[in-house]
Amino acid sequence: FKRNVSEIEGKETRYTITAEDMRRELK
């Protein structure tokens, strides 16, 4: 599947990672 860059351009995504998330990921 292909999505044109014009549909994505200019959009921003932010992620929040907590200490608990890192602890769980690193076991």
PDB file of all heavy atoms in Angstrom:
ATOM      1  N   PHE A   1       0.839  -1.197   0.000  1.00  0.00           N
ATOM      2  CA  PHE A   1       0.000   0.000   0.000  1.00  0.00           C
ATOM      3  C   PHE A   1       0.878   1.252   0.000  1.00  0.00           C
ATOM      4  O   PHE A   1       1.887   1.303   0.689  1.00  0.00           O
ATOM      5  CB  PHE A   1      -0.907  -0.017   1.239  1.00  0.00           C
ATOM      6  CG  PHE A   1      -1.698   1.226   1.457  1.00  0.00           C
ATOM      7  CD1 PHE A   1      -2.897   1.425   0.791  1.00  0.00           C
ATOM      8  CD2 PHE A   1      -1.259   2.196   2.341  1.00  0.00           C
ATOM      9  CE1 PHE A   1      -3.647   2.570   1.006  1.00  0.00           C
ATOM     10  CE2 PHE A   1      -1.990   3.340   2.559  1.00  0.00           C
ATOM     11  CZ  PHE A   1      -3.190   3.528   1.886  1.00  0.00           C
ATOM     12  N   LYS A   2       0.502   2.263  -0.780  1.00  0.00           N
ATOM     13  CA  LYS A   2       1.282   3.503  -0.845  1.00  0.00           C
ATOM     14  C   LYS A   2       0.417   4.673  -0.397  1.00  0.00           C
ATOM     15  O   LYS A   2      -0.751   4.766  -0.754  1.00  0.00           O
ATOM     16  CB  LYS A   2       1.770   3.757  -2.269  1.00  0.00           C
ATOM     17  CG  LYS A   2       2.802   2.761  -2.736  1.00  0.00           C
ATOM     18  CD  LYS A   2       3.277   3.078  -4.133  1.00  0.00           C
ATOM     19  CE  LYS A   2       4.287   2.044  -4.604  1.00  0.00           C
ATOM     20  NZ  LYS A   2       4.770   2.305  -5.954  1.00  0.00           N
ATOM     21  N   ARG A   3       1.005   5.574   0.392  1.00  0.00           N
ATOM     22  CA  ARG A   3       0.335   6.798   0.816  1.00  0.00           C
ATOM     23  C   ARG A   3       1.182   7.963   0.327  1.00  0.00           C
ATOM     24  O   ARG A   3       2.392   8.015   0.552  1.00  0.00           O
ATOM     25  CB  ARG A   3       0.187   6.829   2.329  1.00  0.00           C
ATOM     26  CG  ARG A   3      -0.424   8.132   2.820  1.00  0.00           C
ATOM     27  CD  ARG A   3      -0.966   8.066   4.222  1.00  0.00           C
ATOM     28  NE  ARG A   3      -2.222   7.316   4.164  1.00  0.00           N
ATOM     29  CZ  ARG A   3      -2.604   6.455   5.081  1.00  0.00           C
ATOM     30  NH1 ARG A   3      -1.866   6.209   6.119  1.00  0.00           N
ATOM     31  NH2 ARG A   3      -3.756   5.824   4.961  1.00  0.00           N
ATOM     32  N   ASN A   4       0.525   8.908  -0.342  1.00  0.00           N
ATOM     33  CA  ASN A   4       1.196  10.083  -0.873  1.00  0.00           C
ATOM     34  C   ASN A   4       1.769  10.918   0.271  1.00  0.00           C
ATOM     35  O   ASN A   4       1.117  11.082   1.308  1.00  0.00           O
ATOM     36  CB  ASN A   4       0.202  10.912  -1.692  1.00  0.00           C
ATOM     37  CG  ASN A   4       0.901  11.942  -2.554  1.00  0.00           C
ATOM     38  OD1 ASN A   4       1.874  12.542  -2.147  1.00  0.00           O
ATOM     39  ND2 ASN A   4       0.370  12.121  -3.744  1.00  0.00           N
ATOM     40  N   VAL A   5       2.967  11.453   0.090  1.00  0.00           N
ATOM     41  CA  VAL A   5       3.629  12.238   1.123  1.00  0.00           C
ATOM     42  C   VAL A   5       2.814  13.478   1.486  1.00  0.00           C
ATOM     43  O   VAL A   5       2.847  13.932   2.625  1.00  0.00           O
ATOM     44  CB  VAL A   5       5.062  12.624   0.672  1.00  0.00           C
ATOM     45  CG1 VAL A   5       5.685  13.648   1.595  1.00  0.00           C
ATOM     46  CG2 VAL A   5       5.938  11.392   0.627  1.00  0.00           C
ATOM     47  N   SER A   6       2.029  14.013   0.549  1.00  0.00           N
ATOM     48  CA  SER A   6       1.226  15.202   0.839  1.00  0.00           C
ATOM     49  C   SER A   6       0.196  14.933   1.939  1.00  0.00           C
ATOM     50  O   SER A   6      -0.224  15.849   2.636  1.00  0.00           O
ATOM     51  CB  SER A   6       0.527  15.699  -0.423  1.00  0.00           C
ATOM     52  OG  SER A   6      -0.385  14.732  -0.899  1.00  0.00           O
ATOM     53  N   GLU A   7      -0.225  13.670   2.140  1.00  0.00           N
ATOM     54  CA  GLU A   7      -1.149  13.314   3.212  1.00  0.00           C
ATOM     55  C   GLU A   7      -0.458  13.300   4.572  1.00  0.00           C
ATOM     56  O   GLU A   7      -1.113  13.386   5.607  1.00  0.00           O
ATOM     57  CB  GLU A   7      -1.756  11.933   2.962  1.00  0.00           C
ATOM     58  CG  GLU A   7      -2.602  11.818   1.735  1.00  0.00           C
ATOM     59  CD  GLU A   7      -3.096  10.398   1.534  1.00  0.00           C
ATOM     60  OE1 GLU A   7      -3.514   9.763   2.525  1.00  0.00           O
ATOM     61  OE2 GLU A   7      -3.055   9.927   0.387  1.00  0.00           O
ATOM     62  N   ILE A   8       0.862  13.178   4.571  1.00  0.00           N
ATOM     63  CA  ILE A   8       1.642  13.042   5.797  1.00  0.00           C
ATOM     64  C   ILE A   8       2.386  14.323   6.135  1.00  0.00           C
ATOM     65  O   ILE A   8       2.576  14.654   7.307  1.00  0.00           O
ATOM     66  CB  ILE A   8       2.639  11.869   5.652  1.00  0.00           C
ATOM     67  CG1 ILE A   8       1.887  10.578   5.345  1.00  0.00           C
ATOM     68  CG2 ILE A   8       3.493  11.708   6.891  1.00  0.00           C
ATOM     69  CD1 ILE A   8       2.771   9.446   4.900  1.00  0.00           C
ATOM     70  N   GLU A   9       2.760  15.063   5.128  1.00  0.00           N
ATOM     71  CA  GLU A   9       3.590  16.257   5.279  1.00  0.00           C
ATOM     72  C   GLU A   9       2.954  17.262   6.234  1.00  0.00           C
ATOM     73  O   GLU A   9       1.768  17.546   6.173  1.00  0.00           O
ATOM     74  CB  GLU A   9       3.786  16.908   3.903  1.00  0.00           C
ATOM     75  CG  GLU A   9       4.754  18.058   3.908  1.00  0.00           C
ATOM     76  CD  GLU A   9       4.973  18.591   2.500  1.00  0.00           C
ATOM     77  OE1 GLU A   9       4.087  18.412   1.648  1.00  0.00           O
ATOM     78  OE2 GLU A   9       6.029  19.180   2.288  1.00  0.00           O
ATOM     79  N   GLY A  10       3.760  17.762   7.165  1.00  0.00           N
ATOM     80  CA  GLY A  10       3.325  18.788   8.101  1.00  0.00           C
ATOM     81  C   GLY A  10       2.665  18.264   9.360  1.00  0.00           C
ATOM     82  O   GLY A  10       2.331  19.025  10.251  1.00  0.00           O
ATOM     83  N   LYS A  11       2.460  16.976   9.466  1.00  0.00           N
ATOM     84  CA  LYS A  11       1.842  16.407  10.662  1.00  0.00           C
ATOM     85  C   LYS A  11       2.925  15.991  11.639  1.00  0.00           C
ATOM     86  O   LYS A  11       4.018  15.604  11.252  1.00  0.00           O
ATOM     87  CB  LYS A  11       0.959  15.218  10.299  1.00  0.00           C
ATOM     88  CG  LYS A  11      -0.241  15.640   9.477  1.00  0.00           C
ATOM     89  CD  LYS A  11      -1.149  14.479   9.219  1.00  0.00           C
ATOM     90  CE  LYS A  11      -2.344  14.964   8.404  1.00  0.00           C
ATOM     91  NZ  LYS A  11      -3.200  13.846   8.033  1.00  0.00           N
ATOM     92  N   GLU A  12       2.603  16.070  12.900  1.00  0.00           N
ATOM     93  CA  GLU A  12       3.572  15.779  13.956  1.00  0.00           C
ATOM     94  C   GLU A  12       2.944  14.796  14.941  1.00  0.00           C
ATOM     95  O   GLU A  12       1.771  14.903  15.272  1.00  0.00           O
ATOM     96  CB  GLU A  12       3.918  17.079  14.683  1.00  0.00           C
ATOM     97  CG  GLU A  12       4.848  16.933  15.840  1.00  0.00           C
ATOM     98  CD  GLU A  12       5.100  18.265  16.525  1.00  0.00           C
ATOM     99  OE1 GLU A  12       5.008  19.310  15.878  1.00  0.00           O
ATOM    100  OE2 GLU A  12       5.387  18.236  17.725  1.00  0.00           O
ATOM    101  N   THR A  13       3.723  13.860  15.402  1.00  0.00           N
ATOM    102  CA  THR A  13       3.269  12.902  16.399  1.00  0.00           C
ATOM    103  C   THR A  13       4.204  12.975  17.595  1.00  0.00           C
ATOM    104  O   THR A  13       5.413  13.046  17.433  1.00  0.00           O
ATOM    105  CB  THR A  13       3.292  11.467  15.825  1.00  0.00           C
ATOM    106  OG1 THR A  13       2.456  11.430  14.675  1.00  0.00           O
ATOM    107  CG2 THR A  13       2.774  10.479  16.835  1.00  0.00           C
ATOM    108  N   ARG A  14       3.628  12.971  18.781  1.00  0.00           N
ATOM    109  CA  ARG A  14       4.426  13.016  20.006  1.00  0.00           C
ATOM    110  C   ARG A  14       4.158  11.752  20.810  1.00  0.00           C
ATOM    111  O   ARG A  14       3.037  11.275  20.877  1.00  0.00           O
ATOM    112  CB  ARG A  14       4.038  14.222  20.854  1.00  0.00           C
ATOM    113  CG  ARG A  14       4.352  15.519  20.181  1.00  0.00           C
ATOM    114  CD  ARG A  14       3.995  16.677  21.085  1.00  0.00           C
ATOM    115  NE  ARG A  14       4.053  17.894  20.290  1.00  0.00           N
ATOM    116  CZ  ARG A  14       3.203  18.881  20.398  1.00  0.00           C
ATOM    117  NH1 ARG A  14       2.229  18.828  21.263  1.00  0.00           N
ATOM    118  NH2 ARG A  14       3.339  19.948  19.640  1.00  0.00           N
ATOM    119  N   TYR A  15       5.187  11.230  21.422  1.00  0.00           N
ATOM    120  CA  TYR A  15       5.078  10.032  22.249  1.00  0.00           C
ATOM    121  C   TYR A  15       5.590  10.357  23.641  1.00  0.00           C
ATOM    122  O   TYR A  15       6.549  11.094  23.799  1.00  0.00           O
ATOM    123  CB  TYR A  15       5.913   8.883  21.677  1.00  0.00           C
ATOM    124  CG  TYR A  15       5.441   8.419  20.327  1.00  0.00           C
ATOM    125  CD1 TYR A  15       6.014   8.923  19.170  1.00  0.00           C
ATOM    126  CD2 TYR A  15       4.414   7.490  20.212  1.00  0.00           C
ATOM    127  CE1 TYR A  15       5.585   8.507  17.930  1.00  0.00           C
ATOM    128  CE2 TYR A  15       3.974   7.078  18.975  1.00  0.00           C
ATOM    129  CZ  TYR A  15       4.568   7.582  17.836  1.00  0.00           C
ATOM    130  OH  TYR A  15       4.130   7.170  16.616  1.00  0.00           O
ATOM    131  N   THR A  16       4.950   9.795  24.634  1.00  0.00           N
ATOM    132  CA  THR A  16       5.390   9.943  26.010  1.00  0.00           C
ATOM    133  C   THR A  16       5.796   8.567  26.513  1.00  0.00           C
ATOM    134  O   THR A  16       5.027   7.615  26.407  1.00  0.00           O
ATOM    135  CB  THR A  16       4.254  10.507  26.887  1.00  0.00           C
ATOM    136  OG1 THR A  16       3.836  11.754  26.353  1.00  0.00           O
ATOM    137  CG2 THR A  16       4.721  10.694  28.317  1.00  0.00           C
ATOM    138  N   ILE A  17       6.998   8.472  27.040  1.00  0.00           N
ATOM    139  CA  ILE A  17       7.498   7.214  27.581  1.00  0.00           C
ATOM    140  C   ILE A  17       7.784   7.436  29.058  1.00  0.00           C
ATOM    141  O   ILE A  17       8.501   8.367  29.428  1.00  0.00           O
ATOM    142  CB  ILE A  17       8.784   6.766  26.851  1.00  0.00           C
ATOM    143  CG1 ILE A  17       8.481   6.530  25.378  1.00  0.00           C
ATOM    144  CG2 ILE A  17       9.337   5.509  27.492  1.00  0.00           C
ATOM    145  CD1 ILE A  17       9.699   6.236  24.551  1.00  0.00           C
ATOM    146  N   THR A  18       7.212   6.595  29.897  1.00  0.00           N
ATOM    147  CA  THR A  18       7.411   6.720  31.334  1.00  0.00           C
ATOM    148  C   THR A  18       8.539   5.800  31.792  1.00  0.00           C
ATOM    149  O   THR A  18       8.963   4.902  31.060  1.00  0.00           O
ATOM    150  CB  THR A  18       6.127   6.342  32.093  1.00  0.00           C
ATOM    151  OG1 THR A  18       5.852   4.957  31.866  1.00  0.00           O
ATOM    152  CG2 THR A  18       4.940   7.187  31.639  1.00  0.00           C
ATOM    153  N   ALA A  19       8.994   6.020  32.995  1.00  0.00           N
ATOM    154  CA  ALA A  19      10.025   5.153  33.576  1.00  0.00           C
ATOM    155  C   ALA A  19       9.505   3.720  33.677  1.00  0.00           C
ATOM    156  O   ALA A  19      10.243   2.760  33.464  1.00  0.00           O
ATOM    157  CB  ALA A  19      10.432   5.670  34.950  1.00  0.00           C
ATOM    158  N   GLU A  20       8.210   3.566  33.977  1.00  0.00           N
ATOM    159  CA  GLU A  20       7.606   2.235  34.054  1.00  0.00           C
ATOM    160  C   GLU A  20       7.642   1.546  32.693  1.00  0.00           C
ATOM    161  O   GLU A  20       7.917   0.355  32.609  1.00  0.00           O
ATOM    162  CB  GLU A  20       6.160   2.345  34.550  1.00  0.00           C
ATOM    163  CG  GLU A  20       5.403   1.039  34.576  1.00  0.00           C
ATOM    164  CD  GLU A  20       5.955   0.023  35.561  1.00  0.00           C
ATOM    165  OE1 GLU A  20       6.675   0.413  36.495  1.00  0.00           O
ATOM    166  OE2 GLU A  20       5.684  -1.172  35.373  1.00  0.00           O
ATOM    167  N   ASP A  21       7.395   2.294  31.608  1.00  0.00           N
ATOM    168  CA  ASP A  21       7.473   1.729  30.257  1.00  0.00           C
ATOM    169  C   ASP A  21       8.882   1.213  29.966  1.00  0.00           C
ATOM    170  O   ASP A  21       9.053   0.130  29.417  1.00  0.00           O
ATOM    171  CB  ASP A  21       7.102   2.779  29.200  1.00  0.00           C
ATOM    172  CG  ASP A  21       5.652   3.204  29.274  1.00  0.00           C
ATOM    173  OD1 ASP A  21       4.812   2.396  29.708  1.00  0.00           O
ATOM    174  OD2 ASP A  21       5.369   4.360  28.887  1.00  0.00           O
ATOM    175  N   MET A  22       9.893   2.006  30.318  1.00  0.00           N
ATOM    176  CA  MET A  22      11.284   1.610  30.067  1.00  0.00           C
ATOM    177  C   MET A  22      11.657   0.396  30.918  1.00  0.00           C
ATOM    178  O   MET A  22      12.295  -0.528  30.440  1.00  0.00           O
ATOM    179  CB  MET A  22      12.225   2.784  30.350  1.00  0.00           C
ATOM    180  CG  MET A  22      12.058   3.888  29.341  1.00  0.00           C
ATOM    181  SD  MET A  22      13.027   5.392  29.529  1.00  0.00           S
ATOM    182  CE  MET A  22      14.128   5.153  30.815  1.00  0.00           C
ATOM    183  N   ARG A  23      11.227   0.393  32.184  1.00  0.00           N
ATOM    184  CA  ARG A  23      11.526  -0.730  33.073  1.00  0.00           C
ATOM    185  C   ARG A  23      10.904  -2.014  32.530  1.00  0.00           C
ATOM    186  O   ARG A  23      11.533  -3.059  32.485  1.00  0.00           O
ATOM    187  CB  ARG A  23      10.986  -0.446  34.482  1.00  0.00           C
ATOM    188  CG  ARG A  23      11.392  -1.493  35.506  1.00  0.00           C
ATOM    189  CD  ARG A  23      10.653  -1.339  36.799  1.00  0.00           C
ATOM    190  NE  ARG A  23       9.239  -1.603  36.674  1.00  0.00           N
ATOM    191  CZ  ARG A  23       8.700  -2.824  36.525  1.00  0.00           C
ATOM    192  NH1 ARG A  23       9.472  -3.880  36.482  1.00  0.00           N
ATOM    193  NH2 ARG A  23       7.412  -2.979  36.421  1.00  0.00           N
ATOM    194  N   ARG A  24       9.653  -1.926  32.059  1.00  0.00           N
ATOM    195  CA  ARG A  24       8.969  -3.088  31.519  1.00  0.00           C
ATOM    196  C   ARG A  24       9.653  -3.563  30.240  1.00  0.00           C
ATOM    197  O   ARG A  24       9.850  -4.759  30.043  1.00  0.00           O
ATOM    198  CB  ARG A  24       7.502  -2.750  31.241  1.00  0.00           C
ATOM    199  CG  ARG A  24       6.666  -3.962  30.905  1.00  0.00           C
ATOM    200  CD  ARG A  24       5.207  -3.628  30.648  1.00  0.00           C
ATOM    201  NE  ARG A  24       4.581  -2.853  31.700  1.00  0.00           N
ATOM    202  CZ  ARG A  24       4.099  -1.614  31.533  1.00  0.00           C
ATOM    203  NH1 ARG A  24       4.168  -1.013  30.374  1.00  0.00           N
ATOM    204  NH2 ARG A  24       3.539  -0.981  32.530  1.00  0.00           N
ATOM    205  N   GLU A  25      10.024  -2.650  29.356  1.00  0.00           N
ATOM    206  CA  GLU A  25      10.658  -3.018  28.084  1.00  0.00           C
ATOM    207  C   GLU A  25      12.013  -3.683  28.311  1.00  0.00           C
ATOM    208  O   GLU A  25      12.379  -4.631  27.627  1.00  0.00           O
ATOM    209  CB  GLU A  25      10.819  -1.770  27.211  1.00  0.00           C
ATOM    210  CG  GLU A  25      11.430  -2.028  25.871  1.00  0.00           C
ATOM    211  CD  GLU A  25      10.546  -2.839  24.929  1.00  0.00           C
ATOM    212  OE1 GLU A  25       9.309  -2.812  25.080  1.00  0.00           O
ATOM    213  OE2 GLU A  25      11.107  -3.518  24.047  1.00  0.00           O
ATOM    214  N   LEU A  26      12.760  -3.189  29.300  1.00  0.00           N
ATOM    215  CA  LEU A  26      14.084  -3.738  29.594  1.00  0.00           C
ATOM    216  C   LEU A  26      14.026  -4.917  30.564  1.00  0.00           C
ATOM    217  O   LEU A  26      15.052  -5.476  30.930  1.00  0.00           O
ATOM    218  CB  LEU A  26      14.980  -2.642  30.174  1.00  0.00           C
ATOM    219  CG  LEU A  26      15.265  -1.478  29.226  1.00  0.00           C
ATOM    220  CD1 LEU A  26      15.990  -0.358  29.955  1.00  0.00           C
ATOM    221  CD2 LEU A  26      16.064  -1.942  28.024  1.00  0.00           C
ATOM    222  N   LYS A  27      12.814  -5.272  30.996  1.00  0.00           N
ATOM    223  CA  LYS A  27      12.597  -6.392  31.918  1.00  0.00           C
ATOM    224  C   LYS A  27      13.393  -6.236  33.211  1.00  0.00           C
ATOM    225  O   LYS A  27      14.043  -7.155  33.689  1.00  0.00           O
ATOM    226  CB  LYS A  27      12.901  -7.720  31.237  1.00  0.00           C
ATOM    227  CG  LYS A  27      11.969  -8.008  30.073  1.00  0.00           C
ATOM    228  CD  LYS A  27      12.362  -9.272  29.345  1.00  0.00           C
ATOM    229  CE  LYS A  27      11.440  -9.634  28.230  1.00  0.00           C
ATOM    230  NZ  LYS A  27      11.123  -8.659  27.241  1.00  0.00           N
TER     231      LYS A  27
END
